[in-house]
N, C-alpha and C. Protein backbone atom coordinates (compact mmCIF):
# COMPACT_ATOMS: atom_id res chain seq x y z
N MET A 1 -39.62 25.19 95.08
CA MET A 1 -40.97 24.89 94.65
C MET A 1 -40.96 24.06 93.37
N ASN A 2 -40.07 24.39 92.42
CA ASN A 2 -40.00 23.62 91.18
C ASN A 2 -39.62 22.17 91.44
N GLY A 3 -38.71 21.93 92.39
CA GLY A 3 -38.32 20.56 92.75
C GLY A 3 -39.50 19.79 93.31
N TRP A 4 -40.32 20.46 94.13
CA TRP A 4 -41.50 19.82 94.71
C TRP A 4 -42.50 19.43 93.62
N ARG A 5 -42.71 20.36 92.67
CA ARG A 5 -43.64 20.07 91.56
C ARG A 5 -43.14 18.90 90.72
N ALA A 6 -41.85 18.87 90.44
CA ALA A 6 -41.28 17.77 89.65
C ALA A 6 -41.44 16.45 90.39
N ALA A 7 -41.20 16.44 91.70
CA ALA A 7 -41.35 15.22 92.49
C ALA A 7 -42.80 14.77 92.53
N THR A 8 -43.72 15.72 92.65
CA THR A 8 -45.15 15.38 92.65
C THR A 8 -45.55 14.81 91.29
N ALA A 9 -45.10 15.44 90.22
CA ALA A 9 -45.43 14.94 88.88
C ALA A 9 -44.85 13.55 88.67
N ALA A 10 -43.62 13.32 89.12
CA ALA A 10 -43.01 12.00 88.98
C ALA A 10 -43.79 10.97 89.79
N GLY A 11 -44.27 11.35 90.96
CA GLY A 11 -45.08 10.45 91.79
C GLY A 11 -46.37 10.06 91.10
N TRP A 12 -47.04 11.04 90.49
CA TRP A 12 -48.28 10.74 89.77
C TRP A 12 -48.02 9.84 88.58
N ILE A 13 -46.92 10.05 87.89
CA ILE A 13 -46.58 9.19 86.76
C ILE A 13 -46.38 7.76 87.24
N CYS A 14 -45.71 7.57 88.36
CA CYS A 14 -45.49 6.22 88.91
C CYS A 14 -46.81 5.57 89.30
N VAL A 15 -47.76 6.34 89.81
CA VAL A 15 -49.05 5.80 90.20
C VAL A 15 -49.86 5.43 88.97
N LEU A 16 -49.86 6.26 87.95
CA LEU A 16 -50.69 6.03 86.77
C LEU A 16 -50.06 5.07 85.77
N LEU A 17 -48.76 4.92 85.76
CA LEU A 17 -48.08 4.11 84.77
C LEU A 17 -48.59 2.68 84.67
N PRO A 18 -48.87 1.97 85.79
CA PRO A 18 -49.34 0.59 85.63
C PRO A 18 -50.66 0.49 84.88
N TYR A 19 -51.46 1.53 84.85
CA TYR A 19 -52.76 1.47 84.21
C TYR A 19 -52.73 1.97 82.78
N SER A 20 -51.57 2.31 82.27
CA SER A 20 -51.49 2.81 80.91
C SER A 20 -50.54 1.96 80.10
N THR A 21 -50.63 2.10 78.82
CA THR A 21 -49.71 1.40 77.93
C THR A 21 -48.71 2.44 77.43
N VAL A 22 -47.43 2.17 77.66
CA VAL A 22 -46.40 3.12 77.30
C VAL A 22 -46.19 3.14 75.80
N ALA A 23 -46.07 1.97 75.18
CA ALA A 23 -45.83 1.89 73.75
C ALA A 23 -47.13 1.53 73.04
N ALA A 24 -47.18 1.82 71.75
CA ALA A 24 -48.36 1.45 70.97
C ALA A 24 -48.48 -0.07 70.95
N PRO A 25 -49.70 -0.59 71.04
CA PRO A 25 -49.86 -2.04 71.06
C PRO A 25 -49.47 -2.67 69.73
N LEU A 26 -48.86 -3.84 69.83
CA LEU A 26 -48.50 -4.59 68.63
C LEU A 26 -49.67 -5.49 68.24
N PRO A 27 -50.08 -5.49 66.99
CA PRO A 27 -51.10 -6.45 66.57
C PRO A 27 -50.62 -7.88 66.84
N ALA A 28 -51.57 -8.78 67.08
CA ALA A 28 -51.26 -10.15 67.48
C ALA A 28 -50.35 -10.88 66.49
N ASP A 29 -50.47 -10.55 65.21
CA ASP A 29 -49.67 -11.26 64.21
C ASP A 29 -48.40 -10.51 63.81
N ALA A 30 -48.08 -9.43 64.51
CA ALA A 30 -46.87 -8.65 64.20
C ALA A 30 -45.64 -9.34 64.79
N PRO A 31 -44.48 -9.18 64.12
CA PRO A 31 -43.25 -9.69 64.72
C PRO A 31 -43.04 -9.02 66.08
N GLY A 32 -42.67 -9.79 67.05
CA GLY A 32 -42.43 -9.25 68.38
C GLY A 32 -43.64 -9.28 69.29
N ALA A 33 -44.82 -9.68 68.78
CA ALA A 33 -46.02 -9.69 69.61
C ALA A 33 -45.90 -10.70 70.76
N LYS A 34 -45.32 -11.86 70.47
CA LYS A 34 -45.15 -12.89 71.51
C LYS A 34 -44.16 -12.39 72.57
N GLN A 35 -43.11 -11.70 72.17
CA GLN A 35 -42.13 -11.15 73.13
C GLN A 35 -42.80 -10.09 74.00
N GLU A 36 -43.69 -9.29 73.40
CA GLU A 36 -44.41 -8.28 74.18
C GLU A 36 -45.31 -8.97 75.21
N ALA A 37 -45.94 -10.09 74.82
CA ALA A 37 -46.77 -10.85 75.75
C ALA A 37 -45.92 -11.38 76.91
N GLU A 38 -44.73 -11.85 76.60
CA GLU A 38 -43.83 -12.34 77.65
C GLU A 38 -43.41 -11.22 78.59
N ARG A 39 -43.19 -10.02 78.03
CA ARG A 39 -42.84 -8.87 78.87
C ARG A 39 -44.01 -8.52 79.80
N LEU A 40 -45.24 -8.53 79.25
CA LEU A 40 -46.42 -8.24 80.07
C LEU A 40 -46.59 -9.28 81.18
N ASP A 41 -46.25 -10.53 80.87
CA ASP A 41 -46.40 -11.61 81.84
C ASP A 41 -45.43 -11.45 83.02
N GLN A 42 -44.32 -10.74 82.81
CA GLN A 42 -43.34 -10.53 83.87
C GLN A 42 -43.71 -9.39 84.81
N LEU A 43 -44.65 -8.55 84.41
CA LEU A 43 -45.06 -7.41 85.24
C LEU A 43 -45.95 -7.88 86.37
N PRO A 44 -45.94 -7.20 87.50
CA PRO A 44 -46.81 -7.60 88.61
C PRO A 44 -48.28 -7.44 88.23
N PRO A 45 -49.16 -8.31 88.77
CA PRO A 45 -50.58 -8.21 88.45
C PRO A 45 -51.18 -6.88 88.91
N LEU A 46 -52.15 -6.42 88.14
CA LEU A 46 -52.90 -5.22 88.51
C LEU A 46 -53.95 -5.59 89.55
N PRO A 47 -54.18 -4.73 90.53
CA PRO A 47 -55.25 -4.98 91.50
C PRO A 47 -56.61 -4.71 90.85
N PRO A 48 -57.70 -5.13 91.48
CA PRO A 48 -59.02 -4.84 90.94
C PRO A 48 -59.20 -3.34 90.72
N ALA A 49 -59.71 -2.99 89.57
CA ALA A 49 -59.93 -1.59 89.22
C ALA A 49 -61.42 -1.29 89.27
N PRO A 50 -61.77 -0.03 89.43
CA PRO A 50 -63.19 0.32 89.44
C PRO A 50 -63.81 0.16 88.05
N ALA A 51 -65.11 0.02 88.03
CA ALA A 51 -65.84 -0.06 86.76
C ALA A 51 -65.65 1.24 85.99
N GLY A 52 -65.73 1.16 84.68
CA GLY A 52 -65.63 2.34 83.84
C GLY A 52 -64.27 2.54 83.21
N HIS A 53 -63.27 1.80 83.67
CA HIS A 53 -61.92 1.91 83.10
C HIS A 53 -61.66 0.65 82.29
N ILE A 54 -61.67 0.74 80.96
CA ILE A 54 -61.39 -0.41 80.11
C ILE A 54 -59.88 -0.48 79.91
N ASP A 55 -59.30 -1.62 80.26
CA ASP A 55 -57.86 -1.81 80.25
C ASP A 55 -57.45 -2.61 79.01
N HIS A 56 -56.86 -1.93 78.05
CA HIS A 56 -56.40 -2.57 76.81
C HIS A 56 -54.94 -3.02 76.91
N SER A 57 -54.32 -2.92 78.09
CA SER A 57 -52.89 -3.16 78.22
C SER A 57 -52.49 -4.62 78.04
N GLY A 58 -53.34 -5.56 78.43
CA GLY A 58 -52.97 -6.98 78.37
C GLY A 58 -52.30 -7.48 79.63
N ARG A 59 -52.24 -6.64 80.67
CA ARG A 59 -51.62 -7.03 81.94
C ARG A 59 -52.47 -8.04 82.68
N THR A 60 -51.81 -8.85 83.50
CA THR A 60 -52.48 -9.79 84.39
C THR A 60 -53.24 -9.01 85.45
N GLN A 61 -54.41 -9.50 85.83
CA GLN A 61 -55.19 -8.90 86.90
C GLN A 61 -55.32 -9.91 88.04
N ALA A 62 -55.29 -9.44 89.26
CA ALA A 62 -55.45 -10.31 90.42
C ALA A 62 -56.60 -9.79 91.27
N GLY A 63 -57.37 -10.70 91.80
CA GLY A 63 -58.50 -10.34 92.64
C GLY A 63 -59.30 -11.58 92.97
N ARG A 64 -60.59 -11.43 93.05
CA ARG A 64 -61.45 -12.55 93.40
C ARG A 64 -62.42 -12.81 92.26
N ALA A 65 -62.81 -14.08 92.12
CA ALA A 65 -63.79 -14.49 91.11
C ALA A 65 -65.04 -14.98 91.81
N SER A 66 -66.17 -14.72 91.18
CA SER A 66 -67.44 -15.28 91.61
C SER A 66 -68.07 -15.90 90.38
N TYR A 67 -69.30 -16.40 90.51
CA TYR A 67 -69.94 -16.95 89.33
C TYR A 67 -71.41 -16.56 89.28
N TYR A 68 -71.95 -16.60 88.06
CA TYR A 68 -73.33 -16.20 87.81
C TYR A 68 -74.30 -17.10 88.59
N ALA A 69 -75.29 -16.49 89.19
CA ALA A 69 -76.38 -17.24 89.81
C ALA A 69 -77.24 -17.85 88.72
N ASP A 70 -77.97 -18.89 89.06
CA ASP A 70 -78.84 -19.57 88.08
C ASP A 70 -79.84 -18.60 87.45
N SER A 71 -80.25 -17.59 88.19
CA SER A 71 -81.25 -16.64 87.68
C SER A 71 -80.74 -15.82 86.50
N PHE A 72 -79.42 -15.82 86.24
CA PHE A 72 -78.86 -15.06 85.12
C PHE A 72 -78.86 -15.85 83.82
N ALA A 73 -79.21 -17.13 83.87
CA ALA A 73 -79.24 -17.95 82.65
C ALA A 73 -80.20 -17.33 81.64
N ASN A 74 -79.75 -17.21 80.42
CA ASN A 74 -80.52 -16.71 79.28
C ASN A 74 -80.80 -15.20 79.32
N ARG A 75 -80.23 -14.48 80.27
CA ARG A 75 -80.36 -13.01 80.27
C ARG A 75 -79.36 -12.43 79.28
N LYS A 76 -79.70 -11.26 78.75
CA LYS A 76 -78.78 -10.59 77.82
C LYS A 76 -77.53 -10.12 78.55
N MET A 77 -76.41 -10.35 77.90
CA MET A 77 -75.13 -9.87 78.41
C MET A 77 -74.81 -8.54 77.74
N ALA A 78 -73.72 -7.92 78.14
CA ALA A 78 -73.34 -6.61 77.61
C ALA A 78 -73.11 -6.62 76.10
N ASN A 79 -72.72 -7.77 75.54
CA ASN A 79 -72.49 -7.84 74.10
C ASN A 79 -73.76 -8.17 73.31
N GLY A 80 -74.91 -8.29 74.00
CA GLY A 80 -76.18 -8.54 73.34
C GLY A 80 -76.55 -10.01 73.24
N GLN A 81 -75.61 -10.91 73.51
CA GLN A 81 -75.89 -12.35 73.47
C GLN A 81 -76.55 -12.78 74.78
N ARG A 82 -77.17 -13.94 74.75
CA ARG A 82 -77.79 -14.52 75.94
C ARG A 82 -76.75 -15.30 76.73
N MET A 83 -76.80 -15.18 78.06
CA MET A 83 -75.85 -15.89 78.92
C MET A 83 -76.19 -17.38 78.94
N ASN A 84 -75.26 -18.17 78.47
CA ASN A 84 -75.39 -19.62 78.47
C ASN A 84 -74.57 -20.17 79.63
N PRO A 85 -75.21 -20.77 80.65
CA PRO A 85 -74.46 -21.25 81.80
C PRO A 85 -73.49 -22.38 81.45
N ASN A 86 -73.65 -22.99 80.27
CA ASN A 86 -72.78 -24.08 79.85
C ASN A 86 -71.72 -23.64 78.85
N ALA A 87 -71.47 -22.36 78.77
CA ALA A 87 -70.45 -21.82 77.86
C ALA A 87 -69.26 -21.30 78.68
N ASN A 88 -68.15 -21.14 78.01
CA ASN A 88 -66.95 -20.59 78.66
C ASN A 88 -66.95 -19.07 78.54
N VAL A 89 -67.91 -18.44 79.21
CA VAL A 89 -68.04 -16.99 79.16
C VAL A 89 -67.83 -16.41 80.54
N ALA A 90 -67.50 -15.12 80.56
CA ALA A 90 -67.26 -14.43 81.83
C ALA A 90 -67.57 -12.95 81.67
N ALA A 91 -67.69 -12.30 82.81
CA ALA A 91 -67.89 -10.86 82.87
C ALA A 91 -66.66 -10.23 83.51
N SER A 92 -66.27 -9.07 82.99
CA SER A 92 -65.16 -8.30 83.55
C SER A 92 -65.56 -6.83 83.54
N LYS A 93 -65.15 -6.11 84.59
CA LYS A 93 -65.40 -4.67 84.62
C LYS A 93 -64.45 -3.93 83.70
N THR A 94 -63.25 -4.50 83.47
CA THR A 94 -62.20 -3.73 82.82
C THR A 94 -61.66 -4.30 81.52
N LEU A 95 -61.75 -5.60 81.28
CA LEU A 95 -61.24 -6.14 80.02
C LEU A 95 -62.21 -5.81 78.89
N PRO A 96 -61.68 -5.51 77.71
CA PRO A 96 -62.57 -5.20 76.59
C PRO A 96 -63.46 -6.40 76.25
N LEU A 97 -64.70 -6.12 75.88
CA LEU A 97 -65.57 -7.19 75.42
C LEU A 97 -64.93 -7.83 74.19
N GLY A 98 -64.96 -9.17 74.15
CA GLY A 98 -64.31 -9.90 73.06
C GLY A 98 -62.94 -10.42 73.42
N SER A 99 -62.44 -10.06 74.60
CA SER A 99 -61.15 -10.59 75.04
C SER A 99 -61.28 -12.08 75.35
N VAL A 100 -60.18 -12.79 75.20
CA VAL A 100 -60.08 -14.18 75.64
C VAL A 100 -59.02 -14.19 76.74
N ALA A 101 -59.34 -14.84 77.87
CA ALA A 101 -58.43 -14.81 79.01
C ALA A 101 -58.36 -16.16 79.70
N LYS A 102 -57.23 -16.40 80.37
CA LYS A 102 -57.07 -17.58 81.22
C LYS A 102 -57.31 -17.14 82.65
N VAL A 103 -58.18 -17.88 83.35
CA VAL A 103 -58.48 -17.60 84.75
C VAL A 103 -57.94 -18.77 85.56
N THR A 104 -57.12 -18.46 86.56
CA THR A 104 -56.54 -19.50 87.42
C THR A 104 -56.99 -19.31 88.85
N ASN A 105 -57.57 -20.36 89.43
CA ASN A 105 -57.96 -20.39 90.83
C ASN A 105 -56.69 -20.58 91.65
N LEU A 106 -56.33 -19.60 92.45
CA LEU A 106 -55.08 -19.66 93.21
C LEU A 106 -55.13 -20.65 94.37
N ARG A 107 -56.33 -21.11 94.73
CA ARG A 107 -56.43 -22.10 95.81
C ARG A 107 -56.02 -23.50 95.35
N ASN A 108 -56.27 -23.80 94.07
CA ASN A 108 -55.98 -25.16 93.61
C ASN A 108 -55.17 -25.23 92.32
N GLY A 109 -54.87 -24.09 91.69
CA GLY A 109 -54.07 -24.06 90.48
C GLY A 109 -54.81 -24.42 89.20
N LYS A 110 -56.10 -24.68 89.28
CA LYS A 110 -56.87 -25.04 88.08
C LYS A 110 -57.10 -23.80 87.22
N THR A 111 -57.02 -24.00 85.89
CA THR A 111 -57.14 -22.90 84.94
C THR A 111 -58.21 -23.21 83.90
N ALA A 112 -58.93 -22.20 83.48
CA ALA A 112 -59.92 -22.31 82.41
C ALA A 112 -59.79 -21.09 81.50
N THR A 113 -60.10 -21.27 80.24
CA THR A 113 -60.08 -20.18 79.27
C THR A 113 -61.50 -19.69 79.05
N VAL A 114 -61.67 -18.36 79.10
CA VAL A 114 -63.00 -17.76 78.97
C VAL A 114 -62.99 -16.67 77.91
N LYS A 115 -64.20 -16.37 77.42
CA LYS A 115 -64.41 -15.23 76.53
C LYS A 115 -65.14 -14.17 77.35
N ILE A 116 -64.63 -12.95 77.32
CA ILE A 116 -65.26 -11.85 78.05
C ILE A 116 -66.39 -11.29 77.19
N GLU A 117 -67.63 -11.55 77.65
CA GLU A 117 -68.80 -11.13 76.88
C GLU A 117 -69.77 -10.28 77.70
N ASP A 118 -69.42 -9.99 78.96
CA ASP A 118 -70.34 -9.26 79.82
C ASP A 118 -69.57 -8.32 80.74
N ARG A 119 -70.27 -7.43 81.40
CA ARG A 119 -69.69 -6.49 82.36
C ARG A 119 -70.06 -6.92 83.77
N GLY A 120 -69.15 -6.67 84.71
CA GLY A 120 -69.34 -7.02 86.10
C GLY A 120 -68.14 -7.82 86.55
N PRO A 121 -68.11 -8.34 87.71
CA PRO A 121 -69.05 -8.15 88.82
C PRO A 121 -68.81 -6.80 89.49
N TYR A 122 -69.87 -6.21 89.96
CA TYR A 122 -69.78 -4.87 90.56
C TYR A 122 -69.68 -4.96 92.07
N VAL A 123 -68.71 -5.75 92.51
CA VAL A 123 -68.41 -5.92 93.93
C VAL A 123 -66.93 -5.61 94.10
N ASP A 124 -66.58 -4.80 95.10
CA ASP A 124 -65.18 -4.45 95.33
C ASP A 124 -64.32 -5.70 95.49
N GLY A 125 -63.16 -5.68 94.86
CA GLY A 125 -62.21 -6.76 94.98
C GLY A 125 -62.38 -7.88 93.97
N ARG A 126 -63.50 -7.89 93.27
CA ARG A 126 -63.74 -8.95 92.29
C ARG A 126 -63.31 -8.49 90.90
N VAL A 127 -62.69 -9.41 90.16
CA VAL A 127 -62.20 -9.07 88.82
C VAL A 127 -62.93 -9.82 87.72
N VAL A 128 -63.65 -10.89 88.06
CA VAL A 128 -64.31 -11.68 87.04
C VAL A 128 -65.50 -12.42 87.63
N ASP A 129 -66.54 -12.56 86.82
CA ASP A 129 -67.73 -13.33 87.17
C ASP A 129 -67.83 -14.41 86.10
N LEU A 130 -67.88 -15.67 86.51
CA LEU A 130 -67.76 -16.80 85.59
C LEU A 130 -69.10 -17.49 85.36
N ALA A 131 -69.26 -18.08 84.17
CA ALA A 131 -70.41 -18.93 83.92
C ALA A 131 -70.29 -20.16 84.83
N PRO A 132 -71.42 -20.76 85.23
CA PRO A 132 -71.36 -21.94 86.11
C PRO A 132 -70.47 -23.06 85.59
N LYS A 133 -70.45 -23.30 84.28
CA LYS A 133 -69.58 -24.35 83.72
C LYS A 133 -68.12 -24.09 84.08
N VAL A 134 -67.68 -22.84 83.93
CA VAL A 134 -66.29 -22.48 84.23
C VAL A 134 -66.04 -22.57 85.73
N ALA A 135 -67.00 -22.13 86.53
CA ALA A 135 -66.86 -22.22 87.99
C ALA A 135 -66.67 -23.68 88.41
N ASN A 136 -67.38 -24.59 87.77
CA ASN A 136 -67.20 -26.02 88.06
C ASN A 136 -65.81 -26.49 87.66
N GLN A 137 -65.32 -26.04 86.50
CA GLN A 137 -63.98 -26.43 86.04
C GLN A 137 -62.91 -25.99 87.03
N LEU A 138 -63.14 -24.85 87.68
CA LEU A 138 -62.16 -24.30 88.62
C LEU A 138 -62.42 -24.72 90.07
N ASP A 139 -63.41 -25.58 90.28
CA ASP A 139 -63.82 -25.99 91.62
C ASP A 139 -64.13 -24.78 92.50
N LEU A 140 -64.90 -23.87 91.96
CA LEU A 140 -65.24 -22.62 92.63
C LEU A 140 -66.63 -22.65 93.25
N THR A 141 -67.46 -23.62 92.85
CA THR A 141 -68.87 -23.59 93.24
C THR A 141 -69.10 -23.82 94.73
N HIS A 142 -68.22 -24.54 95.40
CA HIS A 142 -68.43 -24.78 96.83
C HIS A 142 -68.15 -23.54 97.67
N GLN A 143 -67.10 -22.80 97.34
CA GLN A 143 -66.77 -21.58 98.09
C GLN A 143 -67.58 -20.39 97.59
N GLY A 144 -67.90 -20.38 96.31
CA GLY A 144 -68.64 -19.27 95.73
C GLY A 144 -67.76 -18.13 95.26
N VAL A 145 -66.67 -17.88 95.97
CA VAL A 145 -65.72 -16.82 95.63
C VAL A 145 -64.33 -17.37 95.91
N ALA A 146 -63.37 -17.06 95.04
CA ALA A 146 -62.00 -17.55 95.24
C ALA A 146 -61.01 -16.53 94.69
N PRO A 147 -59.79 -16.52 95.23
CA PRO A 147 -58.75 -15.65 94.67
C PRO A 147 -58.29 -16.22 93.32
N VAL A 148 -58.15 -15.33 92.35
CA VAL A 148 -57.75 -15.74 91.00
C VAL A 148 -56.76 -14.75 90.40
N VAL A 149 -56.11 -15.20 89.35
CA VAL A 149 -55.42 -14.30 88.42
C VAL A 149 -56.08 -14.47 87.07
N VAL A 150 -56.22 -13.36 86.37
CA VAL A 150 -56.82 -13.35 85.04
C VAL A 150 -55.75 -12.84 84.08
N LYS A 151 -55.35 -13.72 83.15
CA LYS A 151 -54.33 -13.36 82.17
C LYS A 151 -54.97 -13.27 80.79
N PRO A 152 -55.12 -12.06 80.25
CA PRO A 152 -55.68 -11.93 78.90
C PRO A 152 -54.76 -12.60 77.89
N VAL A 153 -55.32 -13.40 77.01
CA VAL A 153 -54.57 -14.00 75.91
C VAL A 153 -54.65 -13.08 74.70
N THR A 154 -55.87 -12.63 74.38
CA THR A 154 -56.07 -11.67 73.29
C THR A 154 -57.03 -10.59 73.75
N LEU A 155 -56.82 -9.38 73.23
CA LEU A 155 -57.68 -8.24 73.55
C LEU A 155 -57.94 -7.44 72.29
N PRO A 156 -59.20 -7.10 72.02
CA PRO A 156 -59.47 -6.19 70.92
C PRO A 156 -59.02 -4.78 71.31
N GLN A 157 -58.49 -4.06 70.35
CA GLN A 157 -58.03 -2.70 70.58
C GLN A 157 -59.01 -1.70 69.96
N PRO A 158 -58.99 -0.46 70.42
CA PRO A 158 -59.93 0.54 69.87
C PRO A 158 -59.84 0.72 68.36
N ASP A 159 -58.65 0.44 67.77
CA ASP A 159 -58.50 0.61 66.32
C ASP A 159 -58.94 -0.62 65.52
N GLY A 160 -59.49 -1.66 66.21
CA GLY A 160 -59.95 -2.86 65.53
C GLY A 160 -58.94 -3.99 65.47
N GLN A 161 -57.69 -3.70 65.84
CA GLN A 161 -56.66 -4.74 65.87
C GLN A 161 -56.89 -5.67 67.06
N VAL A 162 -56.23 -6.82 67.04
CA VAL A 162 -56.23 -7.75 68.17
C VAL A 162 -54.82 -7.80 68.70
N LYS A 163 -54.67 -7.62 70.01
CA LYS A 163 -53.37 -7.61 70.68
C LYS A 163 -53.23 -8.83 71.56
N LEU A 164 -52.01 -9.36 71.68
CA LEU A 164 -51.74 -10.44 72.62
C LEU A 164 -51.53 -9.86 74.01
N GLY A 165 -52.01 -10.57 75.02
CA GLY A 165 -51.82 -10.17 76.41
C GLY A 165 -50.90 -11.14 77.12
N ALA A 166 -50.77 -10.95 78.43
CA ALA A 166 -49.87 -11.75 79.26
C ALA A 166 -50.15 -13.24 79.17
N GLY A 167 -51.40 -13.62 78.98
CA GLY A 167 -51.76 -15.04 78.91
C GLY A 167 -51.22 -15.73 77.67
N ALA A 168 -50.84 -14.98 76.66
CA ALA A 168 -50.28 -15.58 75.44
C ALA A 168 -48.85 -16.05 75.66
N ALA A 169 -48.19 -15.57 76.72
CA ALA A 169 -46.80 -15.91 76.98
C ALA A 169 -46.61 -17.41 77.19
N ASP A 170 -47.54 -18.04 77.90
CA ASP A 170 -47.40 -19.48 78.18
C ASP A 170 -48.43 -20.32 77.44
N ALA A 171 -49.09 -19.73 76.45
CA ALA A 171 -50.06 -20.47 75.64
C ALA A 171 -49.36 -21.09 74.44
N SER A 172 -49.88 -22.22 73.99
CA SER A 172 -49.33 -22.85 72.79
C SER A 172 -49.71 -22.02 71.57
N PRO A 173 -48.98 -22.19 70.46
CA PRO A 173 -49.35 -21.46 69.24
C PRO A 173 -50.80 -21.74 68.82
N GLN A 174 -51.28 -22.96 69.02
CA GLN A 174 -52.66 -23.29 68.67
C GLN A 174 -53.64 -22.55 69.56
N GLU A 175 -53.34 -22.46 70.87
CA GLU A 175 -54.21 -21.72 71.79
C GLU A 175 -54.26 -20.25 71.41
N VAL A 176 -53.12 -19.69 71.06
CA VAL A 176 -53.06 -18.28 70.67
C VAL A 176 -53.88 -18.06 69.41
N GLN A 177 -53.72 -18.93 68.41
CA GLN A 177 -54.46 -18.77 67.16
C GLN A 177 -55.96 -18.90 67.40
N GLN A 178 -56.38 -19.87 68.24
CA GLN A 178 -57.80 -20.02 68.56
C GLN A 178 -58.33 -18.78 69.27
N ALA A 179 -57.53 -18.21 70.17
CA ALA A 179 -57.95 -17.00 70.89
C ALA A 179 -58.09 -15.82 69.94
N ILE A 180 -57.14 -15.68 69.00
CA ILE A 180 -57.21 -14.60 68.02
C ILE A 180 -58.49 -14.73 67.19
N GLU A 181 -58.76 -15.94 66.71
CA GLU A 181 -59.97 -16.17 65.91
C GLU A 181 -61.23 -15.90 66.73
N ALA A 182 -61.25 -16.34 68.00
CA ALA A 182 -62.42 -16.12 68.85
C ALA A 182 -62.65 -14.63 69.07
N THR A 183 -61.59 -13.89 69.34
CA THR A 183 -61.73 -12.44 69.55
C THR A 183 -62.24 -11.77 68.28
N ARG A 184 -61.69 -12.14 67.14
CA ARG A 184 -62.15 -11.54 65.88
C ARG A 184 -63.62 -11.85 65.61
N GLN A 185 -64.05 -13.08 65.91
CA GLN A 185 -65.46 -13.44 65.72
C GLN A 185 -66.36 -12.68 66.69
N LEU A 186 -65.89 -12.51 67.93
CA LEU A 186 -66.71 -11.81 68.92
C LEU A 186 -66.87 -10.33 68.61
N ILE A 187 -65.85 -9.71 68.01
CA ILE A 187 -65.95 -8.27 67.74
C ILE A 187 -66.51 -7.97 66.37
N ALA A 188 -66.49 -8.94 65.45
CA ALA A 188 -66.97 -8.68 64.08
C ALA A 188 -68.41 -8.17 64.03
N PRO A 189 -69.38 -8.82 64.73
CA PRO A 189 -70.74 -8.31 64.63
C PRO A 189 -70.95 -7.00 65.38
N ASN A 190 -70.01 -6.64 66.24
CA ASN A 190 -70.17 -5.45 67.09
C ASN A 190 -69.11 -4.40 66.78
N GLU A 191 -68.77 -4.21 65.50
CA GLU A 191 -67.71 -3.27 65.15
C GLU A 191 -67.93 -1.88 65.72
N THR A 192 -69.18 -1.48 65.86
CA THR A 192 -69.43 -0.14 66.38
C THR A 192 -69.62 -0.14 67.88
N ALA A 193 -69.71 -1.31 68.49
CA ALA A 193 -69.92 -1.39 69.94
C ALA A 193 -68.60 -1.17 70.67
N GLU A 194 -68.68 -1.05 71.99
CA GLU A 194 -67.50 -0.86 72.83
C GLU A 194 -66.58 -2.04 72.69
N LYS A 195 -65.29 -1.78 72.58
CA LYS A 195 -64.30 -2.84 72.51
C LYS A 195 -63.46 -2.75 73.73
């Protein structure tokens, strides 16, 4: 019986491990942060997760992307700002608000950088909802939905730090610095809000 319990516990650990962070996150400017981003980039992408689970790990996510309908223009987003269809913004069910991520359309290889400022899409299998400007950059508007990978470049952490994610592995130092600054600006007015 003890062997069965140990095997069951080990099985649960294997199932839950991809959704957790084993080591404490390194702040973006700490020595070794870029190496941690490279390690995260080597891990297999996470599948779409249900709403309600905020993933601070920095792992790549794989699923489908859609884009905001015109009727969402100027509506309040989860961070309190108005949705600008001409901005590089996106919604995610699981990435912390204030994250900066690279979204790649797997059909054509086109990539765009977005700021996560909203929650959604609440459709199974979807990992990101893009502003129309970003959907145009990725040639997504004709199909409406496309397979994508989402690589977080920076993520705000619950303790207020900013962590590098898998997307920082292949980003230039300037892109990383811009993402860090963008994340810090996005979370500064909302220090007490969800990160």
